[in-house]
């Protein structure tokens, strides 16, 4: 198989119902067809510890304050980086991660109102400075994203939040993208999925060749 020269790290971000999981699988298929070795993973459940953390976060009987929620996500992220992401990158693979550290800035920072500096510090400790080569933000209006989630399994703690919370998250993502245009690619998540994949590929292909 072909490998990216040093491994390439792609994160997919967006609000509820943005279509991240579908794009992760579409990109995986496209990359593998071109001979790349690919690891697809997700947060927080991308490793055994993360799966346990997800269970805690989904337990309605637990009362969690915003900082407790943040540290649970960060603990899962630290293990995920050490156990899954860095080893795959060291093997020269393309890693596609459904949510990464930007999600904590968006949800616990902009959404919950925690200090952005504190969230970023917690992320740096967890990731040891690992930053995605490309972050794709699938942007959809809050009403559209929440409507897409209707009828699925019972919403988790974050999914149960109201539209105002999710709008703060969306605006937080857009603010981050505006601050780091060299890393972020903002894509309209309401266009056809195949068009989204083509748009991502146009940005991704030069990174693979570089």
N, C-alpha and C. Protein backbone atom coordinates (compact mmCIF):
# COMPACT_ATOMS: atom_id res chain seq x y z
N UNK A 1 0.82 -1.21 0.00
CA UNK A 1 0.00 0.00 0.00
C UNK A 1 0.86 1.26 0.00
N UNK A 2 0.34 2.34 -0.57
CA UNK A 2 1.00 3.63 -0.51
C UNK A 2 0.77 4.24 0.85
N UNK A 3 1.76 4.96 1.38
CA UNK A 3 1.60 5.66 2.64
C UNK A 3 1.89 7.13 2.44
N UNK A 4 1.19 7.97 3.21
CA UNK A 4 1.57 9.37 3.24
C UNK A 4 2.98 9.43 3.80
N UNK A 5 3.77 10.42 3.38
CA UNK A 5 5.20 10.43 3.69
C UNK A 5 5.48 10.34 5.18
N UNK A 6 4.71 11.04 6.00
CA UNK A 6 4.96 11.01 7.44
C UNK A 6 3.68 10.72 8.21
N UNK A 7 2.70 10.23 7.50
CA UNK A 7 1.39 10.11 8.11
C UNK A 7 0.68 11.44 7.99
N UNK A 8 -0.61 11.41 7.83
CA UNK A 8 -1.40 12.64 7.67
C UNK A 8 -2.62 12.55 8.57
N UNK A 9 -2.87 13.62 9.30
CA UNK A 9 -3.93 13.62 10.30
C UNK A 9 -5.04 14.57 9.87
N UNK A 10 -6.25 14.01 9.67
CA UNK A 10 -7.42 14.77 9.26
C UNK A 10 -8.47 14.66 10.37
N UNK A 11 -9.01 15.78 10.80
CA UNK A 11 -10.13 15.74 11.74
C UNK A 11 -11.37 16.28 11.06
N UNK A 12 -12.50 15.72 11.42
CA UNK A 12 -13.80 16.15 10.92
C UNK A 12 -14.58 16.74 12.08
N UNK A 13 -15.04 17.96 11.93
CA UNK A 13 -15.76 18.65 12.99
C UNK A 13 -17.09 19.17 12.48
N UNK A 14 -17.96 19.51 13.43
CA UNK A 14 -19.26 20.07 13.09
C UNK A 14 -20.26 19.79 14.19
N UNK A 15 -21.39 20.44 14.11
CA UNK A 15 -22.41 20.26 15.11
C UNK A 15 -23.18 18.97 14.94
N UNK A 16 -24.26 18.85 15.69
CA UNK A 16 -25.10 17.65 15.62
C UNK A 16 -25.66 17.50 14.20
N UNK A 17 -25.62 16.28 13.68
CA UNK A 17 -26.19 16.00 12.37
C UNK A 17 -25.43 16.59 11.21
N UNK A 18 -24.15 16.87 11.39
CA UNK A 18 -23.37 17.50 10.31
C UNK A 18 -22.97 16.53 9.21
N UNK A 19 -23.00 15.22 9.50
CA UNK A 19 -22.63 14.23 8.48
C UNK A 19 -21.17 13.80 8.53
N UNK A 20 -20.52 13.96 9.68
CA UNK A 20 -19.11 13.63 9.80
C UNK A 20 -18.81 12.16 9.57
N UNK A 21 -19.61 11.31 10.17
CA UNK A 21 -19.34 9.87 10.07
C UNK A 21 -19.43 9.39 8.62
N UNK A 22 -20.41 9.88 7.89
CA UNK A 22 -20.55 9.49 6.49
C UNK A 22 -19.36 9.95 5.66
N UNK A 23 -18.89 11.17 5.92
CA UNK A 23 -17.74 11.67 5.17
C UNK A 23 -16.46 10.92 5.54
N UNK A 24 -16.34 10.51 6.79
CA UNK A 24 -15.17 9.72 7.20
C UNK A 24 -15.09 8.44 6.38
N UNK A 25 -16.22 7.78 6.22
CA UNK A 25 -16.23 6.52 5.47
C UNK A 25 -16.02 6.76 3.98
N UNK A 26 -16.57 7.84 3.45
CA UNK A 26 -16.38 8.15 2.03
C UNK A 26 -14.92 8.46 1.73
N UNK A 27 -14.28 9.23 2.61
CA UNK A 27 -12.86 9.56 2.42
C UNK A 27 -11.99 8.32 2.57
N UNK A 28 -12.33 7.46 3.51
CA UNK A 28 -11.58 6.22 3.69
C UNK A 28 -11.62 5.39 2.41
N UNK A 29 -12.80 5.23 1.84
CA UNK A 29 -12.94 4.45 0.62
C UNK A 29 -12.14 5.07 -0.52
N UNK A 30 -12.19 6.38 -0.64
CA UNK A 30 -11.47 7.07 -1.71
C UNK A 30 -9.95 6.91 -1.53
N UNK A 31 -9.47 7.10 -0.33
CA UNK A 31 -8.04 6.99 -0.07
C UNK A 31 -7.54 5.57 -0.28
N UNK A 32 -8.29 4.60 0.19
CA UNK A 32 -7.87 3.21 0.02
C UNK A 32 -7.86 2.81 -1.45
N UNK A 33 -8.81 3.35 -2.21
CA UNK A 33 -8.83 3.05 -3.65
C UNK A 33 -7.59 3.59 -4.34
N UNK A 34 -7.00 4.62 -3.75
CA UNK A 34 -5.78 5.21 -4.31
C UNK A 34 -4.52 4.63 -3.68
N UNK A 35 -4.70 3.61 -2.85
CA UNK A 35 -3.55 2.89 -2.32
C UNK A 35 -3.04 3.33 -0.97
N UNK A 36 -3.75 4.23 -0.28
CA UNK A 36 -3.29 4.69 1.02
C UNK A 36 -3.79 3.78 2.13
N UNK A 37 -3.00 3.65 3.16
CA UNK A 37 -3.41 2.94 4.37
C UNK A 37 -4.09 3.94 5.29
N UNK A 38 -5.29 3.60 5.75
CA UNK A 38 -6.14 4.57 6.45
C UNK A 38 -6.62 4.00 7.78
N UNK A 39 -6.58 4.82 8.81
CA UNK A 39 -7.22 4.52 10.09
C UNK A 39 -8.34 5.52 10.31
N UNK A 40 -9.56 5.04 10.49
CA UNK A 40 -10.69 5.90 10.83
C UNK A 40 -11.02 5.68 12.30
N UNK A 41 -11.12 6.76 13.04
CA UNK A 41 -11.43 6.65 14.46
C UNK A 41 -12.34 7.80 14.86
N UNK A 42 -12.70 7.87 16.12
CA UNK A 42 -13.65 8.91 16.54
C UNK A 42 -13.48 9.19 18.02
N UNK A 43 -14.02 10.32 18.41
CA UNK A 43 -14.00 10.68 19.83
C UNK A 43 -15.43 10.82 20.34
N UNK A 44 -15.64 10.44 21.62
CA UNK A 44 -14.63 9.96 22.55
C UNK A 44 -14.39 8.46 22.52
N UNK A 45 -15.11 7.72 21.69
CA UNK A 45 -15.12 6.26 21.81
C UNK A 45 -14.13 5.56 20.90
N UNK A 46 -12.98 6.20 20.61
CA UNK A 46 -12.03 5.60 19.69
C UNK A 46 -11.06 4.63 20.32
N UNK A 47 -11.16 4.42 21.63
CA UNK A 47 -10.31 3.46 22.33
C UNK A 47 -11.13 2.91 23.49
N UNK A 48 -10.69 1.82 24.13
CA UNK A 48 -11.50 1.24 25.22
C UNK A 48 -11.82 2.22 26.35
N UNK A 49 -10.83 3.02 26.77
CA UNK A 49 -11.11 4.00 27.81
C UNK A 49 -12.16 4.99 27.33
N UNK A 50 -12.04 5.43 26.08
CA UNK A 50 -13.00 6.37 25.54
C UNK A 50 -14.41 5.81 25.49
N UNK A 51 -14.52 4.50 25.23
CA UNK A 51 -15.84 3.88 25.24
C UNK A 51 -16.47 3.94 26.63
N UNK A 52 -15.62 3.72 27.65
CA UNK A 52 -16.12 3.81 29.02
C UNK A 52 -16.53 5.24 29.36
N UNK A 53 -15.73 6.19 28.90
CA UNK A 53 -16.05 7.60 29.14
C UNK A 53 -17.37 7.96 28.46
N UNK A 54 -17.56 7.47 27.25
CA UNK A 54 -18.81 7.76 26.55
C UNK A 54 -20.00 7.23 27.34
N UNK A 55 -19.86 6.07 27.95
CA UNK A 55 -20.94 5.51 28.76
C UNK A 55 -21.25 6.43 29.94
N UNK A 56 -20.19 6.95 30.57
CA UNK A 56 -20.40 7.88 31.69
C UNK A 56 -21.11 9.15 31.21
N UNK A 57 -20.66 9.68 30.10
CA UNK A 57 -21.24 10.91 29.58
C UNK A 57 -22.71 10.72 29.17
N UNK A 58 -23.06 9.49 28.82
CA UNK A 58 -24.43 9.21 28.36
C UNK A 58 -25.35 8.79 29.50
N UNK A 59 -24.81 8.67 30.72
CA UNK A 59 -25.60 8.20 31.86
C UNK A 59 -26.44 9.36 32.41
N UNK A 60 -27.77 9.31 32.24
CA UNK A 60 -28.60 10.43 32.69
C UNK A 60 -28.67 10.57 34.21
N UNK A 61 -28.25 9.54 34.92
CA UNK A 61 -28.30 9.60 36.38
C UNK A 61 -27.14 10.39 36.97
N UNK A 62 -26.12 10.70 36.17
CA UNK A 62 -24.96 11.44 36.66
C UNK A 62 -25.14 12.94 36.42
N UNK A 63 -24.89 13.71 37.44
CA UNK A 63 -24.89 15.17 37.31
C UNK A 63 -23.45 15.62 37.08
N UNK A 64 -23.16 16.14 35.92
CA UNK A 64 -21.81 16.58 35.60
C UNK A 64 -21.78 18.09 35.40
N UNK A 65 -20.83 18.75 36.06
CA UNK A 65 -20.66 20.15 35.73
C UNK A 65 -19.78 20.27 34.49
N UNK A 66 -19.66 21.46 33.95
CA UNK A 66 -18.97 21.64 32.67
C UNK A 66 -17.51 21.22 32.75
N UNK A 67 -16.84 21.49 33.88
CA UNK A 67 -15.44 21.10 34.00
C UNK A 67 -15.26 19.60 34.07
N UNK A 68 -16.15 18.93 34.79
CA UNK A 68 -16.10 17.47 34.84
C UNK A 68 -16.28 16.87 33.45
N UNK A 69 -17.23 17.42 32.71
CA UNK A 69 -17.47 16.97 31.34
C UNK A 69 -16.23 17.16 30.49
N UNK A 70 -15.60 18.34 30.61
CA UNK A 70 -14.38 18.61 29.85
C UNK A 70 -13.29 17.61 30.17
N UNK A 71 -13.05 17.36 31.45
CA UNK A 71 -11.94 16.49 31.82
C UNK A 71 -12.19 15.03 31.43
N UNK A 72 -13.45 14.62 31.39
CA UNK A 72 -13.73 13.27 30.89
C UNK A 72 -13.36 13.18 29.41
N UNK A 73 -13.77 14.17 28.62
CA UNK A 73 -13.40 14.17 27.20
C UNK A 73 -11.89 14.22 27.03
N UNK A 74 -11.22 15.05 27.83
CA UNK A 74 -9.78 15.21 27.69
C UNK A 74 -9.04 13.93 28.09
N UNK A 75 -9.52 13.25 29.13
CA UNK A 75 -8.90 11.98 29.52
C UNK A 75 -9.00 10.96 28.39
N UNK A 76 -10.17 10.87 27.79
CA UNK A 76 -10.35 9.95 26.66
C UNK A 76 -9.43 10.34 25.50
N UNK A 77 -9.28 11.66 25.28
CA UNK A 77 -8.44 12.14 24.17
C UNK A 77 -6.97 11.78 24.40
N UNK A 78 -6.49 11.94 25.61
CA UNK A 78 -5.10 11.62 25.91
C UNK A 78 -4.80 10.15 25.61
N UNK A 79 -5.69 9.27 26.03
CA UNK A 79 -5.50 7.84 25.77
C UNK A 79 -5.62 7.53 24.28
N UNK A 80 -6.57 8.19 23.63
CA UNK A 80 -6.82 7.98 22.21
C UNK A 80 -5.59 8.35 21.38
N UNK A 81 -4.98 9.49 21.70
CA UNK A 81 -3.78 9.92 20.99
C UNK A 81 -2.65 8.92 21.18
N UNK A 82 -2.45 8.51 22.44
CA UNK A 82 -1.33 7.61 22.74
C UNK A 82 -1.54 6.21 22.17
N UNK A 83 -2.78 5.75 22.17
CA UNK A 83 -3.06 4.36 21.84
C UNK A 83 -3.39 4.13 20.37
N UNK A 84 -4.00 5.14 19.74
CA UNK A 84 -4.50 4.94 18.37
C UNK A 84 -3.87 5.91 17.36
N UNK A 85 -3.96 7.21 17.64
CA UNK A 85 -3.64 8.19 16.61
C UNK A 85 -2.14 8.26 16.33
N UNK A 86 -1.33 8.49 17.37
CA UNK A 86 0.11 8.60 17.12
C UNK A 86 0.71 7.34 16.53
N UNK A 87 0.37 6.15 17.03
CA UNK A 87 0.93 4.94 16.41
C UNK A 87 0.59 4.83 14.93
N UNK A 88 -0.65 5.18 14.55
CA UNK A 88 -1.03 5.10 13.14
C UNK A 88 -0.24 6.11 12.30
N UNK A 89 -0.07 7.32 12.83
CA UNK A 89 0.72 8.32 12.11
C UNK A 89 2.17 7.88 11.96
N UNK A 90 2.71 7.26 13.01
CA UNK A 90 4.09 6.79 12.95
C UNK A 90 4.26 5.67 11.93
N UNK A 91 3.17 4.95 11.66
CA UNK A 91 3.22 3.92 10.61
C UNK A 91 3.07 4.53 9.22
N UNK A 92 2.88 5.84 9.15
CA UNK A 92 2.72 6.50 7.87
C UNK A 92 1.32 6.47 7.31
N UNK A 93 0.33 6.20 8.15
CA UNK A 93 -1.05 6.09 7.69
C UNK A 93 -1.73 7.46 7.64
N UNK A 94 -2.82 7.52 6.91
CA UNK A 94 -3.72 8.66 6.96
C UNK A 94 -4.73 8.38 8.06
N UNK A 95 -4.80 9.26 9.04
CA UNK A 95 -5.74 9.10 10.14
C UNK A 95 -6.89 10.08 9.95
N UNK A 96 -8.11 9.56 9.96
CA UNK A 96 -9.31 10.38 9.87
C UNK A 96 -10.04 10.24 11.20
N UNK A 97 -10.17 11.35 11.91
CA UNK A 97 -10.78 11.32 13.24
C UNK A 97 -12.08 12.12 13.25
N UNK A 98 -13.15 11.46 13.60
CA UNK A 98 -14.46 12.08 13.75
C UNK A 98 -14.48 12.80 15.10
N UNK A 99 -14.21 14.09 15.11
CA UNK A 99 -14.03 14.98 16.24
C UNK A 99 -12.63 14.82 16.84
N UNK A 100 -12.06 15.99 17.23
CA UNK A 100 -10.80 15.98 17.96
C UNK A 100 -10.83 17.16 18.93
N UNK A 101 -9.70 17.78 19.21
CA UNK A 101 -9.66 18.76 20.30
C UNK A 101 -10.49 20.02 20.03
N UNK A 102 -10.70 20.37 18.77
CA UNK A 102 -11.55 21.54 18.49
C UNK A 102 -12.96 21.36 19.02
N UNK A 103 -13.41 20.12 19.13
CA UNK A 103 -14.76 19.89 19.64
C UNK A 103 -14.90 20.33 21.09
N UNK A 104 -13.85 20.17 21.88
CA UNK A 104 -13.92 20.62 23.27
C UNK A 104 -13.96 22.15 23.35
N UNK A 105 -13.20 22.81 22.46
CA UNK A 105 -13.25 24.27 22.43
C UNK A 105 -14.66 24.74 22.05
N UNK A 106 -15.25 24.07 21.06
CA UNK A 106 -16.58 24.46 20.60
C UNK A 106 -17.66 24.17 21.63
N UNK A 107 -17.65 22.95 22.18
CA UNK A 107 -18.74 22.52 23.06
C UNK A 107 -18.56 22.96 24.51
N UNK A 108 -17.39 22.68 25.09
CA UNK A 108 -17.20 23.05 26.49
C UNK A 108 -16.78 24.52 26.63
N UNK A 109 -16.09 25.06 25.63
CA UNK A 109 -15.70 26.46 25.66
C UNK A 109 -16.83 27.36 25.24
N UNK A 110 -17.09 27.43 23.94
CA UNK A 110 -18.15 28.31 23.45
C UNK A 110 -19.53 27.87 23.92
N UNK A 111 -19.80 26.57 23.94
CA UNK A 111 -21.12 26.10 24.32
C UNK A 111 -21.41 26.22 25.81
N UNK A 112 -20.50 25.67 26.64
CA UNK A 112 -20.72 25.66 28.09
C UNK A 112 -20.23 26.93 28.78
N UNK A 113 -19.39 27.68 28.08
CA UNK A 113 -18.93 28.94 28.66
C UNK A 113 -17.66 28.84 29.47
N UNK A 114 -16.92 27.73 29.39
CA UNK A 114 -15.64 27.63 30.08
C UNK A 114 -14.61 28.52 29.39
N UNK A 115 -13.58 28.90 30.13
CA UNK A 115 -12.50 29.71 29.58
C UNK A 115 -11.87 29.01 28.38
N UNK A 116 -11.80 29.70 27.25
CA UNK A 116 -11.18 29.10 26.06
C UNK A 116 -9.72 28.79 26.32
N UNK A 117 -9.04 29.65 27.06
CA UNK A 117 -7.63 29.39 27.37
C UNK A 117 -7.48 28.12 28.20
N UNK A 118 -8.38 27.91 29.16
CA UNK A 118 -8.31 26.70 29.99
C UNK A 118 -8.56 25.45 29.15
N UNK A 119 -9.54 25.52 28.25
CA UNK A 119 -9.83 24.36 27.40
C UNK A 119 -8.64 24.07 26.50
N UNK A 120 -8.04 25.10 25.93
CA UNK A 120 -6.88 24.89 25.06
C UNK A 120 -5.71 24.29 25.83
N UNK A 121 -5.51 24.74 27.07
CA UNK A 121 -4.43 24.18 27.88
C UNK A 121 -4.67 22.70 28.16
N UNK A 122 -5.90 22.37 28.53
CA UNK A 122 -6.23 20.96 28.78
C UNK A 122 -6.00 20.12 27.53
N UNK A 123 -6.37 20.67 26.37
CA UNK A 123 -6.15 19.96 25.11
C UNK A 123 -4.67 19.75 24.85
N UNK A 124 -3.86 20.77 25.07
CA UNK A 124 -2.42 20.63 24.80
C UNK A 124 -1.79 19.56 25.68
N UNK A 125 -2.23 19.49 26.93
CA UNK A 125 -1.72 18.44 27.81
C UNK A 125 -2.12 17.07 27.29
N UNK A 126 -3.37 16.94 26.86
CA UNK A 126 -3.87 15.64 26.40
C UNK A 126 -3.22 15.18 25.11
N UNK A 127 -3.02 16.13 24.19
CA UNK A 127 -2.53 15.75 22.85
C UNK A 127 -1.03 15.85 22.71
N UNK A 128 -0.38 16.44 23.73
CA UNK A 128 1.06 16.69 23.64
C UNK A 128 1.41 17.48 22.38
N UNK A 129 0.53 18.42 22.06
CA UNK A 129 0.79 19.33 20.94
C UNK A 129 0.42 18.81 19.57
N UNK A 130 -0.20 17.64 19.49
CA UNK A 130 -0.60 17.11 18.18
C UNK A 130 -1.73 17.95 17.59
N UNK A 131 -1.54 18.40 16.35
CA UNK A 131 -2.52 19.25 15.66
C UNK A 131 -2.85 18.60 14.32
N UNK A 132 -4.12 18.51 13.94
CA UNK A 132 -4.44 17.95 12.62
C UNK A 132 -3.80 18.74 11.49
N UNK A 133 -3.42 18.03 10.43
CA UNK A 133 -2.92 18.70 9.23
C UNK A 133 -4.05 19.41 8.50
N UNK A 134 -5.25 18.85 8.60
CA UNK A 134 -6.43 19.43 7.98
C UNK A 134 -7.63 19.17 8.88
N UNK A 135 -8.37 20.22 9.16
CA UNK A 135 -9.62 20.08 9.90
C UNK A 135 -10.76 20.51 9.00
N UNK A 136 -11.66 19.58 8.73
CA UNK A 136 -12.82 19.86 7.88
C UNK A 136 -14.01 20.17 8.78
N UNK A 137 -14.54 21.37 8.65
CA UNK A 137 -15.72 21.78 9.40
C UNK A 137 -16.93 21.67 8.49
N UNK A 138 -17.80 20.72 8.79
CA UNK A 138 -19.05 20.56 8.05
C UNK A 138 -20.08 21.44 8.73
N UNK A 139 -20.40 22.53 8.08
CA UNK A 139 -21.27 23.55 8.68
C UNK A 139 -22.70 23.38 8.21
N UNK A 140 -23.60 23.19 9.16
CA UNK A 140 -25.03 23.11 8.83
C UNK A 140 -25.79 24.00 9.81
N UNK A 141 -26.90 24.61 9.36
CA UNK A 141 -27.73 25.36 10.30
C UNK A 141 -28.17 24.46 11.45
N UNK A 142 -28.29 25.03 12.63
CA UNK A 142 -28.64 24.24 13.81
C UNK A 142 -29.94 23.47 13.61
N UNK A 143 -30.95 24.14 13.05
CA UNK A 143 -32.25 23.48 12.88
C UNK A 143 -32.13 22.27 11.95
N UNK A 144 -31.32 22.40 10.92
CA UNK A 144 -31.11 21.30 9.97
C UNK A 144 -30.44 20.13 10.66
N UNK A 145 -29.37 20.41 11.40
CA UNK A 145 -28.64 19.34 12.06
C UNK A 145 -29.47 18.61 13.09
N UNK A 146 -30.21 19.36 13.91
CA UNK A 146 -31.04 18.72 14.93
C UNK A 146 -32.16 17.90 14.29
N UNK A 147 -32.71 18.40 13.19
CA UNK A 147 -33.76 17.64 12.50
C UNK A 147 -33.22 16.32 11.96
N UNK A 148 -31.98 16.33 11.48
CA UNK A 148 -31.37 15.09 10.99
C UNK A 148 -31.22 14.05 12.10
N UNK A 149 -31.05 14.51 13.33
CA UNK A 149 -30.83 13.60 14.45
C UNK A 149 -32.12 13.02 15.01
N UNK A 150 -33.25 13.60 14.64
CA UNK A 150 -34.53 13.11 15.15
C UNK A 150 -34.77 11.68 14.67
N UNK A 151 -35.29 10.86 15.56
CA UNK A 151 -35.57 9.48 15.20
C UNK A 151 -34.42 8.54 15.43
N UNK A 152 -33.24 9.08 15.75
CA UNK A 152 -32.12 8.21 16.08
C UNK A 152 -32.24 7.78 17.53
N UNK A 153 -31.19 7.13 18.04
CA UNK A 153 -31.20 6.71 19.43
C UNK A 153 -31.40 7.92 20.34
N UNK A 154 -31.77 7.65 21.58
CA UNK A 154 -31.99 8.74 22.53
C UNK A 154 -30.77 9.66 22.57
N UNK A 155 -30.98 10.97 22.48
CA UNK A 155 -29.85 11.88 22.45
C UNK A 155 -29.03 11.82 23.73
N UNK A 156 -27.72 12.06 23.59
CA UNK A 156 -26.86 12.07 24.76
C UNK A 156 -26.97 13.41 25.48
N UNK A 157 -26.13 13.61 26.48
CA UNK A 157 -26.19 14.81 27.31
C UNK A 157 -26.12 16.09 26.47
N UNK A 158 -25.21 16.11 25.50
CA UNK A 158 -25.05 17.29 24.66
C UNK A 158 -26.19 17.40 23.65
N UNK A 159 -26.59 16.26 23.10
CA UNK A 159 -27.68 16.27 22.13
C UNK A 159 -28.99 16.76 22.69
N UNK A 160 -29.13 16.71 24.02
CA UNK A 160 -30.37 17.15 24.65
C UNK A 160 -30.42 18.67 24.86
N UNK A 161 -29.30 19.33 24.61
CA UNK A 161 -29.28 20.77 24.81
C UNK A 161 -30.15 21.48 23.78
N UNK A 162 -30.57 22.69 24.10
CA UNK A 162 -31.45 23.44 23.23
C UNK A 162 -30.73 24.11 22.07
N UNK A 163 -31.51 24.73 21.21
CA UNK A 163 -30.97 25.32 19.99
C UNK A 163 -29.97 26.45 20.29
N UNK A 164 -30.19 27.20 21.36
CA UNK A 164 -29.27 28.30 21.68
C UNK A 164 -27.87 27.78 21.98
N UNK A 165 -27.80 26.69 22.72
CA UNK A 165 -26.50 26.06 23.00
C UNK A 165 -25.82 25.66 21.70
N UNK A 166 -26.55 24.98 20.83
CA UNK A 166 -25.96 24.49 19.59
C UNK A 166 -25.58 25.63 18.65
N UNK A 167 -26.27 26.74 18.74
CA UNK A 167 -25.89 27.90 17.93
C UNK A 167 -24.57 28.49 18.46
N UNK A 168 -24.38 28.51 19.77
CA UNK A 168 -23.10 28.96 20.31
C UNK A 168 -21.96 28.06 19.84
N UNK A 169 -22.24 26.77 19.80
CA UNK A 169 -21.23 25.81 19.32
C UNK A 169 -20.91 26.10 17.86
N UNK A 170 -21.94 26.28 17.05
CA UNK A 170 -21.71 26.55 15.63
C UNK A 170 -20.88 27.81 15.42
N UNK A 171 -21.25 28.86 16.11
CA UNK A 171 -20.52 30.11 15.96
C UNK A 171 -19.09 29.98 16.47
N UNK A 172 -18.90 29.15 17.49
CA UNK A 172 -17.55 28.89 17.97
C UNK A 172 -16.70 28.21 16.93
N UNK A 173 -17.26 27.20 16.28
CA UNK A 173 -16.53 26.53 15.21
C UNK A 173 -16.15 27.51 14.10
N UNK A 174 -17.11 28.34 13.70
CA UNK A 174 -16.83 29.29 12.62
C UNK A 174 -15.77 30.30 13.03
N UNK A 175 -15.77 30.69 14.30
CA UNK A 175 -14.74 31.60 14.79
C UNK A 175 -13.36 30.96 14.71
N UNK A 176 -13.27 29.70 15.12
CA UNK A 176 -11.99 28.99 15.05
C UNK A 176 -11.51 28.87 13.61
N UNK A 177 -12.43 28.56 12.71
CA UNK A 177 -12.06 28.43 11.30
C UNK A 177 -11.56 29.75 10.75
N UNK A 178 -12.17 30.84 11.20
CA UNK A 178 -11.71 32.14 10.75
C UNK A 178 -10.33 32.50 11.26
N UNK A 179 -9.99 31.99 12.45
CA UNK A 179 -8.68 32.25 13.03
C UNK A 179 -7.58 31.41 12.40
N UNK A 180 -7.92 30.23 11.88
CA UNK A 180 -6.91 29.33 11.32
C UNK A 180 -7.32 28.83 9.93
N UNK A 181 -7.43 29.73 8.97
CA UNK A 181 -7.87 29.30 7.64
C UNK A 181 -6.90 28.35 6.95
N UNK A 182 -5.64 28.36 7.35
CA UNK A 182 -4.66 27.46 6.73
C UNK A 182 -4.90 26.01 7.16
N UNK A 183 -5.53 25.81 8.32
CA UNK A 183 -5.81 24.44 8.78
C UNK A 183 -7.24 24.02 8.50
N UNK A 184 -8.17 24.94 8.61
CA UNK A 184 -9.58 24.60 8.48
C UNK A 184 -10.04 24.68 7.02
N UNK A 185 -10.93 23.77 6.67
CA UNK A 185 -11.72 23.85 5.44
C UNK A 185 -13.18 23.82 5.85
N UNK A 186 -13.89 24.90 5.59
CA UNK A 186 -15.31 24.98 5.93
C UNK A 186 -16.12 24.56 4.70
N UNK A 187 -16.97 23.57 4.88
CA UNK A 187 -17.78 23.04 3.78
C UNK A 187 -19.25 23.12 4.18
N UNK A 188 -20.07 23.56 3.25
CA UNK A 188 -21.51 23.60 3.46
C UNK A 188 -22.02 22.16 3.60
N UNK A 189 -22.46 21.82 4.80
CA UNK A 189 -22.90 20.45 5.05
C UNK A 189 -24.27 20.12 4.51
N UNK A 190 -24.93 21.08 3.84
CA UNK A 190 -26.26 20.82 3.29
C UNK A 190 -26.21 20.42 1.81
N UNK A 191 -25.05 20.54 1.19
CA UNK A 191 -24.95 20.15 -0.23
C UNK A 191 -24.86 18.63 -0.32
N UNK A 192 -25.05 18.04 -1.51
CA UNK A 192 -25.02 16.58 -1.63
C UNK A 192 -23.71 15.98 -1.09
N UNK A 193 -23.79 14.83 -0.43
CA UNK A 193 -22.60 14.22 0.17
C UNK A 193 -21.46 14.01 -0.81
N UNK A 194 -21.78 13.62 -2.05
CA UNK A 194 -20.72 13.39 -3.03
C UNK A 194 -19.97 14.67 -3.35
N UNK A 195 -20.70 15.80 -3.37
CA UNK A 195 -20.06 17.08 -3.62
C UNK A 195 -19.17 17.49 -2.44
N UNK A 196 -19.62 17.18 -1.24
CA UNK A 196 -18.81 17.46 -0.06
C UNK A 196 -17.48 16.69 -0.15
N UNK A 197 -17.57 15.42 -0.50
CA UNK A 197 -16.35 14.60 -0.60
C UNK A 197 -15.40 15.16 -1.65
N UNK A 198 -15.93 15.57 -2.79
CA UNK A 198 -15.08 16.14 -3.83
C UNK A 198 -14.42 17.43 -3.36
N UNK A 199 -15.16 18.25 -2.61
CA UNK A 199 -14.61 19.50 -2.10
C UNK A 199 -13.46 19.23 -1.14
N UNK A 200 -13.67 18.26 -0.25
CA UNK A 200 -12.61 17.90 0.70
C UNK A 200 -11.39 17.36 -0.05
N UNK A 201 -11.63 16.55 -1.06
CA UNK A 201 -10.52 15.94 -1.79
C UNK A 201 -9.64 16.98 -2.47
N UNK A 202 -10.26 18.02 -3.00
CA UNK A 202 -9.47 19.07 -3.65
C UNK A 202 -8.50 19.72 -2.68
N UNK A 203 -8.88 19.85 -1.43
CA UNK A 203 -7.98 20.42 -0.42
C UNK A 203 -6.99 19.37 0.10
N UNK A 204 -7.44 18.12 0.15
CA UNK A 204 -6.64 17.06 0.74
C UNK A 204 -5.53 16.56 -0.20
N UNK A 205 -5.82 16.46 -1.47
CA UNK A 205 -4.87 15.85 -2.39
C UNK A 205 -3.49 16.51 -2.36
N UNK A 206 -3.37 17.86 -2.38
CA UNK A 206 -2.03 18.45 -2.32
C UNK A 206 -1.28 18.10 -1.04
N UNK A 207 -1.99 17.91 0.07
CA UNK A 207 -1.34 17.53 1.31
C UNK A 207 -0.75 16.12 1.22
N UNK A 208 -1.44 15.25 0.54
CA UNK A 208 -0.96 13.88 0.37
C UNK A 208 0.29 13.85 -0.51
N UNK A 209 0.31 14.71 -1.49
CA UNK A 209 1.44 14.73 -2.43
C UNK A 209 2.62 15.53 -1.88
N UNK A 210 2.33 16.39 -0.90
CA UNK A 210 3.40 17.24 -0.38
C UNK A 210 4.29 16.55 0.60
